[in-house]
Full PDB file with SEQRES, HELIX, SHEET, SSBOND, CRYST1, ORIGX, SCALE, CONECT and MASTER records, all heavy atoms in Angstrom:
SEQRES   1 A   31  SER ARG ASP ASN ALA LYS ASN THR VAL TYR LEU GLN MET          
SEQRES   2 A   31  ASN SER LEU LYS ALA GLU ASP THR ALA ILE TYR TYR CYS          
SEQRES   3 A   31  ALA ARG GLY TYR ARG                                          
HELIX    1 AA1 ASN A    4  LYS A    6  5                                   3    
HELIX    2 AA2 ALA A   18  ASP A   20  5                                   3    
SHEET    1 AA1 2 ARG A   2  ASP A   3  0                                        
SHEET    2 AA1 2 THR A   8  VAL A   9 -1                                        
CRYST1    1.000    1.000    1.000  90.00  90.00  90.00 P 1           1          
ORIGX1      1.000000  0.000000  0.000000        0.00000                         
ORIGX2      0.000000  1.000000  0.000000        0.00000                         
ORIGX3      0.000000  0.000000  1.000000        0.00000                         
SCALE1      1.000000  0.000000  0.000000        0.00000                         
SCALE2      0.000000  1.000000  0.000000        0.00000                         
SCALE3      0.000000  0.000000  1.000000        0.00000                         
ATOM      1  N   SER A   1     109.600  82.112  95.953  1.00  0.00           N  
ATOM      2  CA  SER A   1     108.251  81.711  95.598  1.00  0.00           C  
ATOM      3  C   SER A   1     107.579  82.494  94.593  1.00  0.00           C  
ATOM      4  O   SER A   1     108.128  83.693  94.322  1.00  0.00           O  
ATOM      5  CB  SER A   1     107.353  81.744  97.001  1.00  0.00           C  
ATOM      6  OG  SER A   1     107.099  82.976  97.413  1.00  0.00           O  
ATOM      7  N   ARG A   2     106.527  82.000  94.001  1.00  0.00           N  
ATOM      8  CA  ARG A   2     105.728  82.751  93.004  1.00  0.00           C  
ATOM      9  C   ARG A   2     104.393  83.075  93.330  1.00  0.00           C  
ATOM     10  O   ARG A   2     103.708  82.246  94.162  1.00  0.00           O  
ATOM     11  CB  ARG A   2     105.739  81.941  91.697  1.00  0.00           C  
ATOM     12  CG  ARG A   2     106.984  81.782  90.953  1.00  0.00           C  
ATOM     13  CD  ARG A   2     106.729  80.956  89.680  1.00  0.00           C  
ATOM     14  NE  ARG A   2     107.959  80.832  88.786  1.00  0.00           N  
ATOM     15  CZ  ARG A   2     108.172  81.715  87.922  1.00  0.00           C  
ATOM     16  NH1 ARG A   2     107.448  82.773  87.619  1.00  0.00           N  
ATOM     17  NH2 ARG A   2     109.291  81.474  87.099  1.00  0.00           N  
ATOM     18  N   ASP A   3     103.834  84.273  92.941  1.00  0.00           N  
ATOM     19  CA  ASP A   3     102.371  84.336  93.026  1.00  0.00           C  
ATOM     20  C   ASP A   3     102.033  84.865  91.519  1.00  0.00           C  
ATOM     21  O   ASP A   3     102.120  86.004  91.155  1.00  0.00           O  
ATOM     22  CB  ASP A   3     101.948  85.523  93.971  1.00  0.00           C  
ATOM     23  CG  ASP A   3     100.535  85.655  94.120  1.00  0.00           C  
ATOM     24  OD1 ASP A   3      99.757  85.393  93.223  1.00  0.00           O  
ATOM     25  OD2 ASP A   3     100.103  86.278  95.077  1.00  0.00           O  
ATOM     26  N   ASN A   4     101.580  83.864  90.711  1.00  0.00           N  
ATOM     27  CA  ASN A   4     101.416  84.099  89.354  1.00  0.00           C  
ATOM     28  C   ASN A   4     100.265  85.054  89.046  1.00  0.00           C  
ATOM     29  O   ASN A   4     100.179  85.770  88.127  1.00  0.00           O  
ATOM     30  CB  ASN A   4     101.181  82.804  88.624  1.00  0.00           C  
ATOM     31  CG  ASN A   4     102.353  81.941  88.530  1.00  0.00           C  
ATOM     32  OD1 ASN A   4     103.492  82.431  88.595  1.00  0.00           O  
ATOM     33  ND2 ASN A   4     102.263  80.628  88.520  1.00  0.00           N  
ATOM     34  N   ALA A   5      99.183  85.077  89.911  1.00  0.00           N  
ATOM     35  CA  ALA A   5      98.122  85.897  89.763  1.00  0.00           C  
ATOM     36  C   ALA A   5      98.543  87.391  89.967  1.00  0.00           C  
ATOM     37  O   ALA A   5      97.922  88.301  89.363  1.00  0.00           O  
ATOM     38  CB  ALA A   5      96.976  85.660  90.855  1.00  0.00           C  
ATOM     39  N   LYS A   6      99.593  87.682  90.720  1.00  0.00           N  
ATOM     40  CA  LYS A   6     100.059  88.985  90.781  1.00  0.00           C  
ATOM     41  C   LYS A   6     101.289  89.293  89.931  1.00  0.00           C  
ATOM     42  O   LYS A   6     101.791  90.359  90.017  1.00  0.00           O  
ATOM     43  CB  LYS A   6     100.494  89.300  92.229  1.00  0.00           C  
ATOM     44  CG  LYS A   6      99.295  89.213  93.252  1.00  0.00           C  
ATOM     45  CD  LYS A   6      99.709  89.600  94.664  1.00  0.00           C  
ATOM     46  CE  LYS A   6      98.524  89.567  95.563  1.00  0.00           C  
ATOM     47  NZ  LYS A   6      98.975  89.828  97.045  1.00  0.00           N  
ATOM     48  N   ASN A   7     101.675  88.248  89.132  1.00  0.00           N  
ATOM     49  CA  ASN A   7     102.801  88.431  88.306  1.00  0.00           C  
ATOM     50  C   ASN A   7     104.092  88.834  88.998  1.00  0.00           C  
ATOM     51  O   ASN A   7     104.886  89.698  88.724  1.00  0.00           O  
ATOM     52  CB  ASN A   7     102.602  89.347  87.139  1.00  0.00           C  
ATOM     53  CG  ASN A   7     103.507  89.211  85.971  1.00  0.00           C  
ATOM     54  OD1 ASN A   7     104.001  88.014  85.710  1.00  0.00           O  
ATOM     55  ND2 ASN A   7     103.974  90.280  85.311  1.00  0.00           N  
ATOM     56  N   THR A   8     104.166  88.193  90.256  1.00  0.00           N  
ATOM     57  CA  THR A   8     105.358  88.490  91.182  1.00  0.00           C  
ATOM     58  C   THR A   8     106.097  87.250  91.688  1.00  0.00           C  
ATOM     59  O   THR A   8     105.491  86.241  91.877  1.00  0.00           O  
ATOM     60  CB  THR A   8     104.640  89.257  92.438  1.00  0.00           C  
ATOM     61  OG1 THR A   8     104.018  90.445  91.948  1.00  0.00           O  
ATOM     62  CG2 THR A   8     105.795  89.768  93.410  1.00  0.00           C  
ATOM     63  N   VAL A   9     107.286  87.404  91.850  1.00  0.00           N  
ATOM     64  CA  VAL A   9     108.226  86.511  92.438  1.00  0.00           C  
ATOM     65  C   VAL A   9     108.826  87.104  93.744  1.00  0.00           C  
ATOM     66  O   VAL A   9     109.210  88.301  93.717  1.00  0.00           O  
ATOM     67  CB  VAL A   9     109.297  86.041  91.532  1.00  0.00           C  
ATOM     68  CG1 VAL A   9     110.341  85.028  92.259  1.00  0.00           C  
ATOM     69  CG2 VAL A   9     108.751  85.228  90.328  1.00  0.00           C  
ATOM     70  N   TYR A  10     108.759  86.340  94.786  1.00  0.00           N  
ATOM     71  CA  TYR A  10     109.251  86.831  96.062  1.00  0.00           C  
ATOM     72  C   TYR A  10     110.500  86.228  96.614  1.00  0.00           C  
ATOM     73  O   TYR A  10     110.821  85.078  96.248  1.00  0.00           O  
ATOM     74  CB  TYR A  10     108.240  86.568  97.213  1.00  0.00           C  
ATOM     75  CG  TYR A  10     106.871  87.227  96.944  1.00  0.00           C  
ATOM     76  CD1 TYR A  10     105.795  86.428  96.403  1.00  0.00           C  
ATOM     77  CD2 TYR A  10     106.659  88.541  97.138  1.00  0.00           C  
ATOM     78  CE1 TYR A  10     104.560  87.108  96.128  1.00  0.00           C  
ATOM     79  CE2 TYR A  10     105.426  89.079  96.883  1.00  0.00           C  
ATOM     80  CZ  TYR A  10     104.402  88.406  96.381  1.00  0.00           C  
ATOM     81  OH  TYR A  10     103.143  88.963  96.078  1.00  0.00           O  
ATOM     82  N   LEU A  11     111.385  86.879  97.297  1.00  0.00           N  
ATOM     83  CA  LEU A  11     112.452  86.390  98.087  1.00  0.00           C  
ATOM     84  C   LEU A  11     112.203  86.644  99.550  1.00  0.00           C  
ATOM     85  O   LEU A  11     112.289  87.739  99.952  1.00  0.00           O  
ATOM     86  CB  LEU A  11     113.784  86.840  97.614  1.00  0.00           C  
ATOM     87  CG  LEU A  11     115.041  86.328  98.367  1.00  0.00           C  
ATOM     88  CD1 LEU A  11     115.171  84.848  98.070  1.00  0.00           C  
ATOM     89  CD2 LEU A  11     116.253  87.135  97.984  1.00  0.00           C  
ATOM     90  N   GLN A  12     111.879  85.565 100.294  1.00  0.00           N  
ATOM     91  CA  GLN A  12     111.693  85.701 101.701  1.00  0.00           C  
ATOM     92  C   GLN A  12     113.006  85.469 102.401  1.00  0.00           C  
ATOM     93  O   GLN A  12     113.679  84.406 102.230  1.00  0.00           O  
ATOM     94  CB  GLN A  12     110.719  84.680 102.217  1.00  0.00           C  
ATOM     95  CG  GLN A  12     110.362  84.760 103.736  1.00  0.00           C  
ATOM     96  CD  GLN A  12     109.679  86.115 104.204  1.00  0.00           C  
ATOM     97  OE1 GLN A  12     108.753  86.534 103.569  1.00  0.00           O  
ATOM     98  NE2 GLN A  12     110.356  86.742 105.267  1.00  0.00           N  
ATOM     99  N   MET A  13     113.408  86.435 103.288  1.00  0.00           N  
ATOM    100  CA  MET A  13     114.759  86.305 103.911  1.00  0.00           C  
ATOM    101  C   MET A  13     114.580  86.379 105.351  1.00  0.00           C  
ATOM    102  O   MET A  13     114.077  87.354 105.920  1.00  0.00           O  
ATOM    103  CB  MET A  13     115.680  87.617 103.429  1.00  0.00           C  
ATOM    104  CG  MET A  13     115.899  87.508 101.912  1.00  0.00           C  
ATOM    105  SD  MET A  13     117.079  88.773 101.543  1.00  0.00           S  
ATOM    106  CE  MET A  13     116.168  90.291 101.994  1.00  0.00           C  
ATOM    107  N   ASN A  14     114.859  85.360 106.078  1.00  0.00           N  
ATOM    108  CA  ASN A  14     114.746  85.207 107.557  1.00  0.00           C  
ATOM    109  C   ASN A  14     116.233  85.016 108.131  1.00  0.00           C  
ATOM    110  O   ASN A  14     117.178  84.638 107.435  1.00  0.00           O  
ATOM    111  CB  ASN A  14     113.920  83.999 107.888  1.00  0.00           C  
ATOM    112  CG  ASN A  14     112.573  84.110 107.293  1.00  0.00           C  
ATOM    113  OD1 ASN A  14     111.843  85.114 107.202  1.00  0.00           O  
ATOM    114  ND2 ASN A  14     111.952  82.951 106.885  1.00  0.00           N  
ATOM    115  N   SER A  15     116.194  85.395 109.449  1.00  0.00           N  
ATOM    116  CA  SER A  15     117.347  85.179 110.172  1.00  0.00           C  
ATOM    117  C   SER A  15     118.568  85.930 109.455  1.00  0.00           C  
ATOM    118  O   SER A  15     119.706  85.338 109.353  1.00  0.00           O  
ATOM    119  CB  SER A  15     117.802  83.727 110.383  1.00  0.00           C  
ATOM    120  OG  SER A  15     116.739  83.012 111.117  1.00  0.00           O  
ATOM    121  N   LEU A  16     118.335  87.077 109.082  1.00  0.00           N  
ATOM    122  CA  LEU A  16     119.341  87.900 108.418  1.00  0.00           C  
ATOM    123  C   LEU A  16     120.646  88.103 109.204  1.00  0.00           C  
ATOM    124  O   LEU A  16     120.558  88.379 110.400  1.00  0.00           O  
ATOM    125  CB  LEU A  16     118.693  89.182 107.848  1.00  0.00           C  
ATOM    126  CG  LEU A  16     117.735  88.983 106.725  1.00  0.00           C  
ATOM    127  CD1 LEU A  16     116.924  90.271 106.573  1.00  0.00           C  
ATOM    128  CD2 LEU A  16     118.645  88.798 105.400  1.00  0.00           C  
ATOM    129  N   LYS A  17     121.704  88.103 108.476  1.00  0.00           N  
ATOM    130  CA  LYS A  17     123.011  88.417 109.046  1.00  0.00           C  
ATOM    131  C   LYS A  17     123.659  89.575 108.385  1.00  0.00           C  
ATOM    132  O   LYS A  17     123.317  90.016 107.335  1.00  0.00           O  
ATOM    133  CB  LYS A  17     123.862  87.118 108.872  1.00  0.00           C  
ATOM    134  CG  LYS A  17     123.401  85.895 109.407  1.00  0.00           C  
ATOM    135  CD  LYS A  17     124.144  84.667 108.994  1.00  0.00           C  
ATOM    136  CE  LYS A  17     123.606  83.327 109.547  1.00  0.00           C  
ATOM    137  NZ  LYS A  17     124.440  82.122 109.213  1.00  0.00           N  
ATOM    138  N   ALA A  18     124.684  90.166 109.032  1.00  0.00           N  
ATOM    139  CA  ALA A  18     125.242  91.339 108.605  1.00  0.00           C  
ATOM    140  C   ALA A  18     125.963  91.042 107.144  1.00  0.00           C  
ATOM    141  O   ALA A  18     125.900  91.888 106.272  1.00  0.00           O  
ATOM    142  CB  ALA A  18     126.382  91.820 109.457  1.00  0.00           C  
ATOM    143  N   GLU A  19     126.349  89.853 106.885  1.00  0.00           N  
ATOM    144  CA  GLU A  19     127.004  89.479 105.595  1.00  0.00           C  
ATOM    145  C   GLU A  19     125.991  89.278 104.475  1.00  0.00           C  
ATOM    146  O   GLU A  19     126.379  89.112 103.419  1.00  0.00           O  
ATOM    147  CB  GLU A  19     127.871  88.193 105.856  1.00  0.00           C  
ATOM    148  CG  GLU A  19     127.077  86.999 106.432  1.00  0.00           C  
ATOM    149  CD  GLU A  19     127.205  86.888 107.826  1.00  0.00           C  
ATOM    150  OE1 GLU A  19     127.440  87.895 108.582  1.00  0.00           O  
ATOM    151  OE2 GLU A  19     127.472  85.689 108.343  1.00  0.00           O  
ATOM    152  N   ASP A  20     124.722  89.433 104.854  1.00  0.00           N  
ATOM    153  CA  ASP A  20     123.642  89.422 103.781  1.00  0.00           C  
ATOM    154  C   ASP A  20     123.404  90.835 103.262  1.00  0.00           C  
ATOM    155  O   ASP A  20     122.748  90.967 102.251  1.00  0.00           O  
ATOM    156  CB  ASP A  20     122.354  88.872 104.327  1.00  0.00           C  
ATOM    157  CG  ASP A  20     122.413  87.505 104.835  1.00  0.00           C  
ATOM    158  OD1 ASP A  20     122.935  86.686 104.074  1.00  0.00           O  
ATOM    159  OD2 ASP A  20     121.736  87.182 105.874  1.00  0.00           O  
ATOM    160  N   THR A  21     124.077  91.870 103.755  1.00  0.00           N  
ATOM    161  CA  THR A  21     124.036  93.130 103.197  1.00  0.00           C  
ATOM    162  C   THR A  21     124.530  93.153 101.799  1.00  0.00           C  
ATOM    163  O   THR A  21     125.614  92.775 101.524  1.00  0.00           O  
ATOM    164  CB  THR A  21     124.886  94.125 104.072  1.00  0.00           C  
ATOM    165  OG1 THR A  21     124.273  94.216 105.370  1.00  0.00           O  
ATOM    166  CG2 THR A  21     124.891  95.500 103.455  1.00  0.00           C  
ATOM    167  N   ALA A  22     123.624  93.663 100.861  1.00  0.00           N  
ATOM    168  CA  ALA A  22     124.036  93.645  99.395  1.00  0.00           C  
ATOM    169  C   ALA A  22     122.788  94.304  98.745  1.00  0.00           C  
ATOM    170  O   ALA A  22     121.767  94.578  99.232  1.00  0.00           O  
ATOM    171  CB  ALA A  22     124.115  92.207  98.957  1.00  0.00           C  
ATOM    172  N   ILE A  23     123.151  94.677  97.439  1.00  0.00           N  
ATOM    173  CA  ILE A  23     122.052  94.942  96.553  1.00  0.00           C  
ATOM    174  C   ILE A  23     121.563  93.660  95.943  1.00  0.00           C  
ATOM    175  O   ILE A  23     122.346  92.859  95.399  1.00  0.00           O  
ATOM    176  CB  ILE A  23     122.581  95.934  95.366  1.00  0.00           C  
ATOM    177  CG1 ILE A  23     123.053  97.333  96.045  1.00  0.00           C  
ATOM    178  CG2 ILE A  23     121.402  96.239  94.454  1.00  0.00           C  
ATOM    179  CD1 ILE A  23     123.746  98.147  94.979  1.00  0.00           C  
ATOM    180  N   TYR A  24     120.272  93.540  96.030  1.00  0.00           N  
ATOM    181  CA  TYR A  24     119.564  92.317  95.504  1.00  0.00           C  
ATOM    182  C   TYR A  24     118.920  92.521  94.239  1.00  0.00           C  
ATOM    183  O   TYR A  24     118.153  93.475  94.057  1.00  0.00           O  
ATOM    184  CB  TYR A  24     118.655  91.744  96.584  1.00  0.00           C  
ATOM    185  CG  TYR A  24     119.302  91.104  97.707  1.00  0.00           C  
ATOM    186  CD1 TYR A  24     119.846  91.837  98.705  1.00  0.00           C  
ATOM    187  CD2 TYR A  24     119.295  89.680  97.793  1.00  0.00           C  
ATOM    188  CE1 TYR A  24     120.539  91.195  99.734  1.00  0.00           C  
ATOM    189  CE2 TYR A  24     119.946  89.056  98.854  1.00  0.00           C  
ATOM    190  CZ  TYR A  24     120.500  89.802  99.823  1.00  0.00           C  
ATOM    191  OH  TYR A  24     121.121  89.165 100.923  1.00  0.00           O  
ATOM    192  N   TYR A  25     119.210  91.729  93.218  1.00  0.00           N  
ATOM    193  CA  TYR A  25     118.651  91.745  91.890  1.00  0.00           C  
ATOM    194  C   TYR A  25     117.725  90.562  91.548  1.00  0.00           C  
ATOM    195  O   TYR A  25     118.159  89.458  92.048  1.00  0.00           O  
ATOM    196  CB  TYR A  25     119.662  91.872  90.890  1.00  0.00           C  
ATOM    197  CG  TYR A  25     120.713  92.904  90.939  1.00  0.00           C  
ATOM    198  CD1 TYR A  25     121.822  92.818  91.880  1.00  0.00           C  
ATOM    199  CD2 TYR A  25     120.522  94.187  90.367  1.00  0.00           C  
ATOM    200  CE1 TYR A  25     122.727  93.819  92.027  1.00  0.00           C  
ATOM    201  CE2 TYR A  25     121.474  95.178  90.510  1.00  0.00           C  
ATOM    202  CZ  TYR A  25     122.554  94.995  91.346  1.00  0.00           C  
ATOM    203  OH  TYR A  25     123.450  96.092  91.418  1.00  0.00           O  
ATOM    204  N   CYS A  26     116.656  90.824  90.835  1.00  0.00           N  
ATOM    205  CA  CYS A  26     116.039  89.619  90.141  1.00  0.00           C  
ATOM    206  C   CYS A  26     116.340  89.688  88.646  1.00  0.00           C  
ATOM    207  O   CYS A  26     116.691  90.757  88.141  1.00  0.00           O  
ATOM    208  CB  CYS A  26     114.462  89.640  90.510  1.00  0.00           C  
ATOM    209  SG  CYS A  26     113.510  91.051  89.829  1.00  0.00           S  
ATOM    210  N   ALA A  27     116.179  88.493  88.137  1.00  0.00           N  
ATOM    211  CA  ALA A  27     116.507  88.420  86.652  1.00  0.00           C  
ATOM    212  C   ALA A  27     115.554  87.247  86.023  1.00  0.00           C  
ATOM    213  O   ALA A  27     115.256  86.345  86.696  1.00  0.00           O  
ATOM    214  CB  ALA A  27     117.939  88.014  86.409  1.00  0.00           C  
ATOM    215  N   ARG A  28     115.308  87.552  84.738  1.00  0.00           N  
ATOM    216  CA  ARG A  28     114.423  86.564  84.046  1.00  0.00           C  
ATOM    217  C   ARG A  28     115.275  85.728  83.151  1.00  0.00           C  
ATOM    218  O   ARG A  28     116.158  86.193  82.408  1.00  0.00           O  
ATOM    219  CB  ARG A  28     113.435  87.304  83.110  1.00  0.00           C  
ATOM    220  CG  ARG A  28     112.254  86.447  82.605  1.00  0.00           C  
ATOM    221  CD  ARG A  28     111.737  86.968  81.258  1.00  0.00           C  
ATOM    222  NE  ARG A  28     112.511  86.456  80.185  1.00  0.00           N  
ATOM    223  CZ  ARG A  28     112.383  86.657  78.894  1.00  0.00           C  
ATOM    224  NH1 ARG A  28     111.230  87.346  78.510  1.00  0.00           N  
ATOM    225  NH2 ARG A  28     113.181  86.136  77.930  1.00  0.00           N  
ATOM    226  N   GLY A  29     115.125  84.466  83.227  1.00  0.00           N  
ATOM    227  CA  GLY A  29     115.824  83.496  82.448  1.00  0.00           C  
ATOM    228  C   GLY A  29     115.590  83.513  80.982  1.00  0.00           C  
ATOM    229  O   GLY A  29     114.521  84.025  80.489  1.00  0.00           O  
ATOM    230  N   TYR A  30     116.435  82.818  80.200  1.00  0.00           N  
ATOM    231  CA  TYR A  30     116.151  82.714  78.820  1.00  0.00           C  
ATOM    232  C   TYR A  30     115.033  81.710  78.545  1.00  0.00           C  
ATOM    233  O   TYR A  30     114.330  81.804  77.650  1.00  0.00           O  
ATOM    234  CB  TYR A  30     117.423  82.132  78.091  1.00  0.00           C  
ATOM    235  CG  TYR A  30     118.483  83.123  77.814  1.00  0.00           C  
ATOM    236  CD1 TYR A  30     119.531  83.293  78.798  1.00  0.00           C  
ATOM    237  CD2 TYR A  30     118.528  83.862  76.651  1.00  0.00           C  
ATOM    238  CE1 TYR A  30     120.575  84.283  78.505  1.00  0.00           C  
ATOM    239  CE2 TYR A  30     119.577  84.791  76.438  1.00  0.00           C  
ATOM    240  CZ  TYR A  30     120.581  84.880  77.429  1.00  0.00           C  
ATOM    241  OH  TYR A  30     121.557  85.899  77.153  1.00  0.00           O  
ATOM    242  N   ARG A  31     114.863  80.678  79.437  1.00  0.00           N  
ATOM    243  CA  ARG A  31     113.899  79.758  79.341  1.00  0.00           C  
ATOM    244  C   ARG A  31     113.315  79.384  80.608  1.00  0.00           C  
ATOM    245  O   ARG A  31     113.372  80.147  81.614  1.00  0.00           O  
ATOM    246  CB  ARG A  31     114.584  78.452  78.740  1.00  0.00           C  
ATOM    247  CG  ARG A  31     115.314  78.717  77.337  1.00  0.00           C  
ATOM    248  CD  ARG A  31     115.976  77.437  76.787  1.00  0.00           C  
ATOM    249  NE  ARG A  31     115.081  76.390  76.430  1.00  0.00           N  
ATOM    250  CZ  ARG A  31     115.548  75.264  75.779  1.00  0.00           C  
ATOM    251  NH1 ARG A  31     116.791  75.109  75.526  1.00  0.00           N  
ATOM    252  NH2 ARG A  31     114.582  74.420  75.507  1.00  0.00           N  
TER     253      ARG A  31                                                      
MASTER        0    0    0    2    2    0    0    6  252    1    0    3          
END                                                                             
């Protein structure tokens, strides 16, 4: 989701599993 007023993008993660363990990155697209 986005909160444009805060210039922030969120990733809400629910029902987490052991296999979700990772380094999480965000990235800006070309367009």
